[in-house]
N, C-alpha and C. Protein backbone atom coordinates (compact mmCIF):
# COMPACT_ATOMS: atom_id res chain seq x y z
N MET A 1 112.18 186.11 146.23
CA MET A 1 111.19 186.83 145.91
C MET A 1 110.70 188.13 146.46
N ALA A 2 110.59 189.42 145.29
CA ALA A 2 110.00 190.45 145.35
C ALA A 2 108.49 191.11 146.02
N THR A 3 108.23 191.60 146.58
CA THR A 3 106.65 191.73 147.02
C THR A 3 106.15 192.61 145.92
N ARG A 4 104.99 192.14 145.62
CA ARG A 4 104.48 192.66 144.25
C ARG A 4 103.91 193.95 144.58
N VAL A 5 103.72 195.21 143.94
CA VAL A 5 102.92 196.16 144.54
C VAL A 5 101.80 196.96 144.08
N VAL A 6 100.79 196.89 144.68
CA VAL A 6 99.55 197.12 144.41
C VAL A 6 99.49 198.35 144.39
N LYS A 7 98.48 198.74 143.31
CA LYS A 7 98.56 200.54 142.94
C LYS A 7 96.71 200.23 142.90
N ILE A 8 96.55 201.22 143.41
CA ILE A 8 95.18 201.88 143.47
C ILE A 8 94.84 203.01 143.34
N GLY A 9 93.86 203.34 141.83
CA GLY A 9 93.37 204.55 141.74
C GLY A 9 92.46 205.23 142.93
N VAL A 10 92.48 206.18 143.13
CA VAL A 10 91.70 206.87 144.17
C VAL A 10 91.18 208.25 143.16
N LEU A 11 89.63 208.48 143.73
CA LEU A 11 88.74 209.23 143.20
C LEU A 11 87.73 210.18 143.66
N SER A 12 87.41 210.97 144.39
CA SER A 12 86.50 211.40 144.71
C SER A 12 85.68 212.72 144.23
N ASP A 13 84.34 212.95 144.82
CA ASP A 13 83.76 214.34 143.80
C ASP A 13 83.93 214.46 142.15
N THR A 14 83.80 213.68 142.01
CA THR A 14 83.91 213.70 140.19
C THR A 14 82.81 214.58 139.25
N HIS A 15 81.70 214.54 140.34
CA HIS A 15 80.31 214.84 140.01
C HIS A 15 79.88 215.06 138.23
N ILE A 16 80.24 214.41 138.16
CA ILE A 16 79.63 213.66 136.67
C ILE A 16 78.69 213.94 136.24
N ALA A 17 78.03 214.83 135.14
CA ALA A 17 76.87 214.96 134.43
C ALA A 17 76.47 214.38 133.57
N LYS A 18 75.03 213.57 133.07
CA LYS A 18 75.27 212.55 132.14
C LYS A 18 75.46 213.30 130.72
N ALA A 19 75.49 214.56 130.60
CA ALA A 19 75.77 214.99 129.17
C ALA A 19 77.03 215.21 129.15
N GLY A 20 77.86 215.65 128.04
CA GLY A 20 78.73 216.19 127.62
C GLY A 20 79.91 215.18 127.51
N ASN A 21 81.38 215.62 127.70
CA ASN A 21 82.08 214.54 126.96
C ASN A 21 82.80 213.67 128.32
N ARG A 22 82.16 213.16 129.00
CA ARG A 22 82.40 212.45 130.31
C ARG A 22 82.72 210.85 130.03
N TRP A 23 82.66 210.29 128.78
CA TRP A 23 82.96 208.82 128.68
C TRP A 23 84.59 209.44 128.12
N ASP A 24 85.14 210.51 127.43
CA ASP A 24 86.34 210.81 127.10
C ASP A 24 86.69 211.48 127.97
N PHE A 25 86.51 211.91 129.24
CA PHE A 25 87.39 212.36 130.77
C PHE A 25 87.28 211.08 131.24
N LEU A 26 86.68 210.69 131.55
CA LEU A 26 86.96 209.18 131.93
C LEU A 26 87.61 207.92 131.93
N GLY A 27 87.43 208.34 130.31
CA GLY A 27 88.65 207.12 129.81
C GLY A 27 90.15 207.42 129.36
N ASN A 28 90.01 209.14 129.86
CA ASN A 28 91.27 209.55 129.64
C ASN A 28 91.84 209.07 131.13
N LEU A 29 90.99 209.14 132.19
CA LEU A 29 91.51 208.87 133.62
C LEU A 29 92.10 207.49 133.76
N ARG A 30 91.32 206.50 133.27
CA ARG A 30 91.33 204.88 132.91
C ARG A 30 93.06 204.74 131.96
N ASP A 31 92.99 205.48 131.08
CA ASP A 31 93.95 205.00 130.02
C ASP A 31 95.18 205.75 130.72
N LYS A 32 95.22 206.86 131.10
CA LYS A 32 96.44 207.76 131.31
C LYS A 32 97.00 207.35 132.89
N TRP A 33 95.99 208.09 133.89
CA TRP A 33 96.29 207.85 135.23
C TRP A 33 96.34 206.55 135.76
N PHE A 34 95.32 206.08 135.13
CA PHE A 34 95.40 204.54 136.83
C PHE A 34 95.77 203.36 135.36
N LYS A 35 96.29 203.37 134.08
CA LYS A 35 96.76 202.31 133.55
C LYS A 35 97.37 201.16 134.03
N ASP A 36 97.83 201.43 135.19
CA ASP A 36 98.81 200.38 135.94
C ASP A 36 97.80 199.70 137.39
N ALA A 37 96.80 200.52 137.29
CA ALA A 37 95.90 200.00 138.68
C ALA A 37 95.21 199.02 138.93
N ASP A 38 95.49 198.27 140.11
CA ASP A 38 95.00 196.52 139.85
C ASP A 38 93.48 197.53 140.39
N MET A 39 93.05 198.54 141.23
CA MET A 39 91.71 198.62 141.79
C MET A 39 91.40 200.17 141.46
N VAL A 40 89.93 200.73 141.45
CA VAL A 40 89.98 201.96 141.76
C VAL A 40 88.89 202.29 142.89
N LEU A 41 89.66 203.37 143.88
CA LEU A 41 88.27 203.61 145.25
C LEU A 41 87.80 204.67 144.72
N HIS A 42 86.54 205.31 144.95
CA HIS A 42 85.54 206.00 144.85
C HIS A 42 85.25 206.66 145.83
N ALA A 43 85.17 207.61 146.90
CA ALA A 43 85.24 208.08 147.89
C ALA A 43 83.80 208.91 147.56
N GLY A 44 82.75 208.60 146.86
CA GLY A 44 81.40 209.46 146.91
C GLY A 44 81.52 210.74 145.89
N ASP A 45 80.35 210.84 145.92
CA ASP A 45 79.63 212.12 144.81
C ASP A 45 80.13 211.77 143.53
N PHE A 46 79.80 210.77 142.96
CA PHE A 46 80.04 210.14 141.67
C PHE A 46 78.75 211.31 140.98
N THR A 47 77.57 211.44 141.47
CA THR A 47 76.20 211.34 140.98
C THR A 47 76.03 210.76 139.57
N ASP A 48 76.82 210.11 138.91
CA ASP A 48 76.30 209.56 137.19
C ASP A 48 76.90 208.38 137.93
N PRO A 49 75.79 207.40 137.92
CA PRO A 49 76.32 205.54 138.41
C PRO A 49 77.11 204.93 137.25
N ASP A 50 76.67 205.51 136.16
CA ASP A 50 78.25 205.13 134.89
C ASP A 50 79.39 205.35 135.66
N VAL A 51 79.83 206.13 136.76
CA VAL A 51 81.20 206.06 136.64
C VAL A 51 81.51 204.76 137.53
N LEU A 52 80.45 203.92 137.67
CA LEU A 52 80.90 202.75 138.57
C LEU A 52 81.32 201.81 137.23
N THR A 53 81.08 201.60 136.07
CA THR A 53 81.35 201.00 135.03
C THR A 53 82.24 201.81 134.37
N ALA A 54 82.91 202.86 134.36
CA ALA A 54 83.91 203.79 133.38
C ALA A 54 85.15 203.13 133.29
N PHE A 55 85.67 202.44 134.81
CA PHE A 55 87.06 202.02 134.13
C PHE A 55 87.17 200.71 134.38
N HIS A 56 86.31 199.78 133.74
CA HIS A 56 85.89 198.35 133.36
C HIS A 56 87.59 198.16 132.13
N PRO A 57 88.39 197.30 132.40
CA PRO A 57 88.19 196.00 133.17
C PRO A 57 88.91 196.21 134.64
N ILE A 58 89.00 197.34 135.01
CA ILE A 58 89.78 197.66 136.11
C ILE A 58 88.39 197.83 137.02
N PRO A 59 88.36 196.69 138.52
CA PRO A 59 87.22 196.56 139.20
C PRO A 59 87.22 198.21 140.05
N VAL A 60 85.69 198.66 140.38
CA VAL A 60 85.75 200.20 140.78
C VAL A 60 85.31 199.47 142.35
N VAL A 61 85.16 199.94 143.58
CA VAL A 61 84.99 199.93 144.72
C VAL A 61 84.69 201.66 145.29
N GLY A 62 83.27 201.44 145.69
CA GLY A 62 83.02 203.15 146.06
C GLY A 62 82.09 203.09 147.60
N VAL A 63 81.76 204.23 147.66
CA VAL A 63 80.62 204.47 148.86
C VAL A 63 80.06 205.48 148.15
N ARG A 64 78.70 206.12 148.98
CA ARG A 64 77.81 206.74 148.32
C ARG A 64 78.18 208.39 148.86
N GLY A 65 78.16 209.41 148.66
CA GLY A 65 78.32 210.76 148.62
C GLY A 65 76.99 211.30 149.07
N ASN A 66 77.20 212.67 149.57
CA ASN A 66 75.89 213.58 149.93
C ASN A 66 75.49 214.04 148.55
N MET A 67 75.86 213.80 147.26
CA MET A 67 75.18 214.01 145.92
C MET A 67 74.78 213.06 145.20
N ASP A 68 75.07 211.98 146.10
CA ASP A 68 74.50 210.90 144.71
C ASP A 68 73.23 210.58 145.41
N PRO A 69 72.41 210.53 143.60
CA PRO A 69 70.94 209.96 143.58
C PRO A 69 70.94 208.45 144.16
N LEU A 70 69.68 208.19 144.83
CA LEU A 70 69.86 206.95 145.15
C LEU A 70 69.78 205.31 144.55
N GLU A 71 69.86 205.90 142.97
CA GLU A 71 69.74 205.16 142.47
C GLU A 71 71.48 204.32 142.29
N ILE A 72 72.39 204.93 142.87
CA ILE A 72 73.50 204.10 143.54
C ILE A 72 73.94 203.90 144.79
N ASP A 73 73.32 202.59 144.45
CA ASP A 73 73.12 202.12 145.49
C ASP A 73 74.61 201.19 146.74
N LEU A 74 75.08 201.92 147.51
CA LEU A 74 76.68 201.96 147.93
C LEU A 74 76.53 202.13 149.30
N PRO A 75 77.06 201.60 150.14
CA PRO A 75 77.14 201.98 151.62
C PRO A 75 77.90 203.13 151.81
N LEU A 76 77.29 203.81 152.98
CA LEU A 76 77.79 205.16 153.34
C LEU A 76 79.28 204.77 153.85
N LYS A 77 80.04 203.93 153.96
CA LYS A 77 81.44 203.61 154.98
C LYS A 77 81.84 202.32 154.32
N LYS A 78 82.91 201.67 153.93
CA LYS A 78 83.18 200.06 153.32
C LYS A 78 84.87 199.80 154.00
N ILE A 79 85.42 198.70 154.56
CA ILE A 79 86.51 198.47 154.67
C ILE A 79 86.96 197.78 153.15
N ILE A 80 87.85 197.65 152.50
CA ILE A 80 88.16 197.10 151.78
C ILE A 80 89.82 196.53 152.60
N ALA A 81 89.52 195.16 152.63
CA ALA A 81 90.66 194.35 152.90
C ALA A 81 91.54 193.88 151.66
N LEU A 82 92.76 193.73 151.46
CA LEU A 82 93.93 193.83 150.80
C LEU A 82 94.41 192.54 150.89
N ASN A 83 94.74 191.83 150.20
CA ASN A 83 96.48 190.55 150.43
C ASN A 83 96.91 191.21 151.36
N GLY A 84 97.95 190.28 151.99
CA GLY A 84 98.57 190.71 152.75
C GLY A 84 98.52 191.61 154.12
N GLY A 85 96.98 191.51 154.38
CA GLY A 85 96.70 191.92 155.44
C GLY A 85 96.05 193.27 155.59
N LYS A 86 96.79 194.21 154.63
CA LYS A 86 96.38 196.08 154.80
C LYS A 86 94.55 195.97 154.61
N ARG A 87 94.52 197.14 155.44
CA ARG A 87 92.92 197.25 155.37
C ARG A 87 92.78 198.74 155.10
N ILE A 88 92.08 198.98 154.23
CA ILE A 88 91.58 200.96 153.65
C ILE A 88 90.02 201.18 153.96
N GLY A 89 89.89 202.05 155.08
CA GLY A 89 88.50 202.80 155.37
C GLY A 89 88.33 203.10 153.92
N LEU A 90 86.99 203.21 153.50
CA LEU A 90 86.77 204.51 152.66
C LEU A 90 85.05 204.53 153.16
N ILE A 91 85.49 206.33 153.42
CA ILE A 91 83.87 206.91 153.49
C ILE A 91 83.86 208.02 152.65
N HIS A 92 82.80 209.22 152.47
CA HIS A 92 83.00 210.24 151.80
C HIS A 92 82.98 211.37 153.04
N GLY A 93 82.40 211.68 153.86
CA GLY A 93 82.35 212.57 154.56
C GLY A 93 81.61 213.75 154.56
N TRP A 94 81.23 214.80 155.35
CA TRP A 94 79.92 215.77 155.56
C TRP A 94 80.60 216.83 156.24
N GLY A 95 79.92 217.78 156.26
CA GLY A 95 79.54 219.12 156.96
C GLY A 95 81.36 219.51 156.69
N HIS A 96 81.56 220.60 157.18
CA HIS A 96 82.69 221.86 156.50
C HIS A 96 83.80 221.46 156.30
N PRO A 97 84.57 221.77 155.62
CA PRO A 97 86.07 221.35 155.52
C PRO A 97 86.70 221.26 156.88
N ARG A 98 86.79 222.31 157.11
CA ARG A 98 87.71 222.54 158.52
C ARG A 98 87.25 221.12 159.33
N GLY A 99 88.07 220.20 160.11
CA GLY A 99 87.84 219.38 161.32
C GLY A 99 87.24 218.05 160.41
N LEU A 100 87.44 217.94 159.04
CA LEU A 100 86.74 216.64 158.19
C LEU A 100 87.13 215.66 158.59
N CYS A 101 89.16 215.76 158.74
CA CYS A 101 89.76 214.53 158.95
C CYS A 101 89.46 214.10 160.32
N GLU A 102 89.09 215.02 161.29
CA GLU A 102 88.84 214.87 162.55
C GLU A 102 87.36 213.76 162.99
N ARG A 103 86.48 214.25 162.00
CA ARG A 103 85.03 213.42 161.74
C ARG A 103 85.44 212.14 161.31
N VAL A 104 86.12 212.16 160.05
CA VAL A 104 85.83 211.01 159.51
C VAL A 104 86.48 209.90 160.32
N LEU A 105 87.46 210.28 160.89
CA LEU A 105 88.50 209.59 161.65
C LEU A 105 87.54 208.72 163.04
N ARG A 106 86.71 209.48 163.41
CA ARG A 106 85.43 209.64 164.51
C ARG A 106 85.02 208.27 164.36
N GLU A 107 84.51 208.15 162.79
CA GLU A 107 83.86 207.35 161.99
C GLU A 107 84.45 205.56 162.48
N TRP A 108 85.51 205.85 162.63
CA TRP A 108 86.19 204.43 162.59
C TRP A 108 87.19 203.84 164.02
N GLU A 109 86.75 204.63 165.05
CA GLU A 109 87.28 204.45 165.90
C GLU A 109 87.39 203.07 166.33
N GLY A 110 88.13 202.12 166.73
CA GLY A 110 87.87 200.97 167.08
C GLY A 110 88.37 199.98 166.20
N GLU A 111 88.49 200.65 164.38
CA GLU A 111 88.78 199.78 163.61
C GLU A 111 90.24 199.93 163.55
N SER A 112 90.86 198.66 162.99
CA SER A 112 92.47 198.60 162.75
C SER A 112 92.61 199.20 161.30
N LEU A 113 92.92 200.36 160.70
CA LEU A 113 92.95 200.25 159.50
C LEU A 113 94.37 200.71 159.23
N ASP A 114 94.80 200.37 157.93
CA ASP A 114 96.55 201.26 157.59
C ASP A 114 96.05 202.71 156.93
N CYS A 115 95.12 202.70 156.25
CA CYS A 115 94.49 203.79 155.31
C CYS A 115 93.21 203.91 155.62
N LEU A 116 93.03 205.86 155.72
CA LEU A 116 91.65 206.00 155.62
C LEU A 116 91.02 206.81 154.25
N VAL A 117 90.75 206.71 153.21
CA VAL A 117 90.51 207.36 152.20
C VAL A 117 89.10 207.80 152.45
N PHE A 118 88.76 209.64 152.15
CA PHE A 118 87.95 210.06 152.25
C PHE A 118 87.13 211.16 151.28
N GLY A 119 86.42 211.93 150.92
CA GLY A 119 86.52 212.89 150.00
C GLY A 119 85.71 214.32 150.52
N HIS A 120 84.77 214.84 149.81
CA HIS A 120 83.82 215.38 150.02
C HIS A 120 84.34 216.96 150.39
N SER A 121 85.29 217.47 150.92
CA SER A 121 86.17 219.05 150.95
C SER A 121 86.72 219.38 148.95
N HIS A 122 87.06 218.57 148.57
CA HIS A 122 87.34 218.81 146.98
C HIS A 122 88.96 219.14 147.43
N VAL A 123 89.60 219.29 148.22
CA VAL A 123 90.92 219.67 148.85
C VAL A 123 91.43 218.18 149.23
N PRO A 124 92.48 218.31 148.30
CA PRO A 124 93.38 216.54 148.68
C PRO A 124 93.96 216.95 150.26
N VAL A 125 94.21 216.03 150.85
CA VAL A 125 94.92 215.61 151.88
C VAL A 125 96.09 214.37 152.05
N CYS A 126 96.94 214.43 152.17
CA CYS A 126 97.60 212.99 152.67
C CYS A 126 98.72 213.12 153.26
N PHE A 127 98.77 212.43 154.82
CA PHE A 127 99.57 212.62 155.57
C PHE A 127 99.25 211.46 156.34
N GLU A 128 100.20 211.24 157.02
CA GLU A 128 100.28 210.01 157.91
C GLU A 128 100.20 210.58 159.50
N LYS A 129 99.18 209.98 160.48
CA LYS A 129 98.63 210.15 161.78
C LYS A 129 98.87 209.01 162.68
N ASN A 130 99.74 208.84 163.51
CA ASN A 130 99.98 207.37 164.41
C ASN A 130 100.06 206.33 163.50
N GLY A 131 100.66 206.32 162.30
CA GLY A 131 100.80 204.91 161.46
C GLY A 131 99.57 205.06 160.56
N LEU A 132 98.29 205.93 160.81
CA LEU A 132 97.40 205.80 159.75
C LEU A 132 97.64 206.89 158.10
N LEU A 133 97.09 206.67 157.38
CA LEU A 133 97.20 207.31 156.06
C LEU A 133 95.75 208.05 155.93
N LEU A 134 95.67 208.94 155.91
CA LEU A 134 94.58 210.02 155.71
C LEU A 134 95.00 210.55 154.36
N PHE A 135 94.03 210.19 153.15
CA PHE A 135 94.33 210.38 152.24
C PHE A 135 92.85 210.68 151.72
N ASN A 136 92.69 212.04 150.92
CA ASN A 136 91.42 212.59 150.56
C ASN A 136 92.16 212.94 148.78
N PRO A 137 91.70 212.28 148.14
CA PRO A 137 92.42 212.75 146.62
C PRO A 137 91.98 214.13 145.68
N GLY A 138 90.95 215.07 146.86
CA GLY A 138 90.00 216.11 146.14
C GLY A 138 89.34 215.84 145.23
N SER A 139 89.65 216.69 144.29
CA SER A 139 87.95 216.39 143.18
C SER A 139 88.74 216.50 141.96
N ALA A 140 87.92 215.44 141.05
CA ALA A 140 89.06 215.08 139.62
C ALA A 140 88.10 216.12 138.47
N THR A 141 87.31 217.04 139.23
CA THR A 141 86.46 218.04 138.17
C THR A 141 86.62 219.03 138.71
N MET A 142 86.50 218.94 140.09
CA MET A 142 86.10 221.07 140.69
C MET A 142 87.18 220.77 141.87
N GLY A 143 88.54 220.97 141.38
CA GLY A 143 89.01 221.71 142.42
C GLY A 143 89.27 222.20 143.46
N ARG A 144 89.14 222.74 144.78
CA ARG A 144 89.50 223.79 145.74
C ARG A 144 90.70 224.04 146.44
N GLY A 145 90.58 224.83 147.32
CA GLY A 145 91.69 225.49 148.18
C GLY A 145 93.10 225.63 147.45
N GLY A 146 92.80 226.61 145.87
CA GLY A 146 94.00 226.87 145.39
C GLY A 146 94.57 225.63 144.25
N LEU A 147 94.40 224.63 144.31
CA LEU A 147 94.50 223.27 143.38
C LEU A 147 93.30 223.58 142.39
N GLY A 148 93.66 222.92 141.46
CA GLY A 148 92.62 222.45 140.68
C GLY A 148 92.42 220.88 140.38
N ALA A 149 92.18 220.11 139.68
CA ALA A 149 91.48 218.80 139.79
C ALA A 149 92.52 217.65 139.81
N THR A 150 92.18 216.98 140.82
CA THR A 150 93.20 215.81 141.51
C THR A 150 92.59 214.77 141.59
N ILE A 151 93.54 214.03 141.40
CA ILE A 151 93.32 212.17 141.92
C ILE A 151 94.53 212.04 142.68
N GLY A 152 94.21 210.70 143.10
CA GLY A 152 95.25 210.06 143.97
C GLY A 152 95.47 208.70 143.55
N LEU A 153 96.39 208.42 143.87
CA LEU A 153 97.41 206.94 144.04
C LEU A 153 97.86 206.56 144.83
N LEU A 154 97.39 205.58 145.22
CA LEU A 154 98.02 204.58 146.62
C LEU A 154 98.79 203.45 146.19
N GLU A 155 100.03 203.28 146.69
CA GLU A 155 100.83 202.15 146.46
C GLU A 155 100.87 201.23 147.82
N ILE A 156 100.48 199.86 147.58
CA ILE A 156 100.64 198.83 148.98
C ILE A 156 101.84 197.95 148.62
N CYS A 157 102.42 197.86 149.38
CA CYS A 157 103.69 196.83 149.62
C CYS A 157 103.90 196.48 150.80
N ASP A 158 104.93 196.56 151.80
CA ASP A 158 105.68 196.35 152.84
C ASP A 158 104.29 197.68 153.85
N ARG A 159 103.85 198.87 153.10
CA ARG A 159 103.46 200.08 154.32
C ARG A 159 102.34 200.73 152.57
N ILE A 160 101.37 201.40 153.44
CA ILE A 160 100.89 202.15 152.36
C ILE A 160 101.24 203.48 152.16
N SER A 161 101.75 203.77 150.92
CA SER A 161 101.93 204.76 150.38
C SER A 161 100.89 206.11 149.57
N GLY A 162 101.07 207.02 149.74
CA GLY A 162 99.83 208.25 148.45
C GLY A 162 100.18 208.97 147.91
N LYS A 163 100.13 209.68 146.56
CA LYS A 163 100.04 210.42 146.07
C LYS A 163 99.29 211.19 145.64
N ILE A 164 99.30 212.46 145.26
CA ILE A 164 98.30 213.76 144.87
C ILE A 164 98.93 213.84 143.62
N LEU A 165 97.68 213.83 142.73
CA LEU A 165 98.33 213.96 141.20
C LEU A 165 97.36 214.79 140.78
N PRO A 166 98.18 215.90 140.51
CA PRO A 166 97.43 217.15 139.70
C PRO A 166 96.91 216.76 137.95
N LEU A 167 95.54 216.78 137.70
CA LEU A 167 95.26 216.65 136.18
C LEU A 167 95.77 217.59 135.01
N ASP A 168 96.16 218.58 135.88
CA ASP A 168 97.48 219.41 134.82
C ASP A 168 98.43 219.66 134.42
N GLY A 169 98.85 218.11 135.07
CA GLY A 169 100.25 217.78 134.81
C GLY A 169 101.74 218.35 135.42
N THR A 170 101.54 218.92 136.42
CA THR A 170 102.13 220.16 137.06
C THR A 170 102.90 218.64 137.84
N GLU A 171 103.40 218.97 138.92
CA GLU A 171 104.44 218.37 139.90
C GLU A 171 103.22 217.50 140.78
N ARG A 172 103.94 216.23 140.84
CA ARG A 172 102.82 215.51 142.11
C ARG A 172 102.96 215.88 143.06
N LEU A 173 101.98 215.77 144.26
CA LEU A 173 102.21 216.46 145.38
C LEU A 173 102.47 215.02 146.07
N ASP A 174 103.73 214.44 146.84
CA ASP A 174 103.48 213.58 147.96
C ASP A 174 103.02 213.80 148.94
N GLY A 175 103.32 212.68 149.64
CA GLY A 175 102.63 212.11 151.33
C GLY A 175 103.01 212.87 152.19
N ALA A 176 103.35 211.87 153.28
CA ALA A 176 103.05 211.86 154.33
C ALA A 176 104.56 213.32 155.05
N GLU A 177 105.56 213.80 154.25
CA GLU A 177 106.50 214.63 154.94
C GLU A 177 106.30 215.97 154.69
N GLY A 178 105.37 216.30 153.39
CA GLY A 178 105.25 217.76 153.16
C GLY A 178 104.79 218.51 153.68
N GLU A 179 104.39 219.62 153.25
CA GLU A 179 103.37 220.80 154.29
C GLU A 179 102.73 221.21 152.79
N GLY A 180 101.71 222.15 153.17
CA GLY A 180 101.34 222.89 151.74
C GLY A 180 99.31 222.83 151.91
N PRO A 181 98.81 223.21 151.01
CA PRO A 181 97.27 222.86 151.14
C PRO A 181 96.97 221.91 150.90
N PHE A 182 97.67 220.95 150.96
CA PHE A 182 96.79 219.24 150.90
C PHE A 182 96.91 218.64 152.31
N HIS A 183 97.70 219.27 153.21
CA HIS A 183 98.08 218.95 154.58
C HIS A 183 96.64 219.38 155.40
N ASP A 184 96.31 218.58 156.42
CA ASP A 184 95.14 219.44 157.22
C ASP A 184 95.17 218.77 158.73
N LYS A 185 96.97 218.08 159.00
CA LYS A 185 97.23 217.60 160.35
C LYS A 185 97.03 218.28 161.44
N ASP A 186 97.33 220.12 161.01
CA ASP A 186 97.19 220.77 162.24
C ASP A 186 95.94 220.78 162.96
N GLU A 187 94.86 220.20 162.43
CA GLU A 187 93.79 220.06 163.21
C GLU A 187 93.81 218.63 164.25
N LEU A 188 94.54 218.02 164.05
CA LEU A 188 94.61 216.57 164.58
C LEU A 188 95.56 216.70 165.97
N ASP A 189 96.81 217.47 166.19
CA ASP A 189 97.54 217.62 167.30
C ASP A 189 96.85 218.38 168.31
């Protein structure tokens, strides 16, 4: 019997304002990009707590970012334990984008993780380091680093793989093997 692939939509730094077309935007993310997702992870900077319910019936698990109001009562970091024993660490991040991967890794020293999801920089990251997938989906609304708005998708089966998905419909940016603006592994060597 084939093992079922678990799909997880990943967001960070949505910075959604209470005004405007937020429901149309979030509904499009749910219906187009995350329609087959089993859950959504949000790595902080929602800025609007309604984002937590916008993907219903898909469950959303999130952490607090540095721009989130106090009414968003979420932890600063969290471990998501999946069936099959896979473990995902979720944290927002802080400080300058340079060195961000190293800082968030230090927060999880001593923990056994298969994937570490983070945000803050608005720059997508997807690469493996010593068997750990480091994954930042970028920002769904305010991309940086020469890229537009991006989101992510994790697929979990025997291993965890990640994809960065540009919202402008251009070709996806695949994970661990490539080079480009969505890799920050040089700072970890």
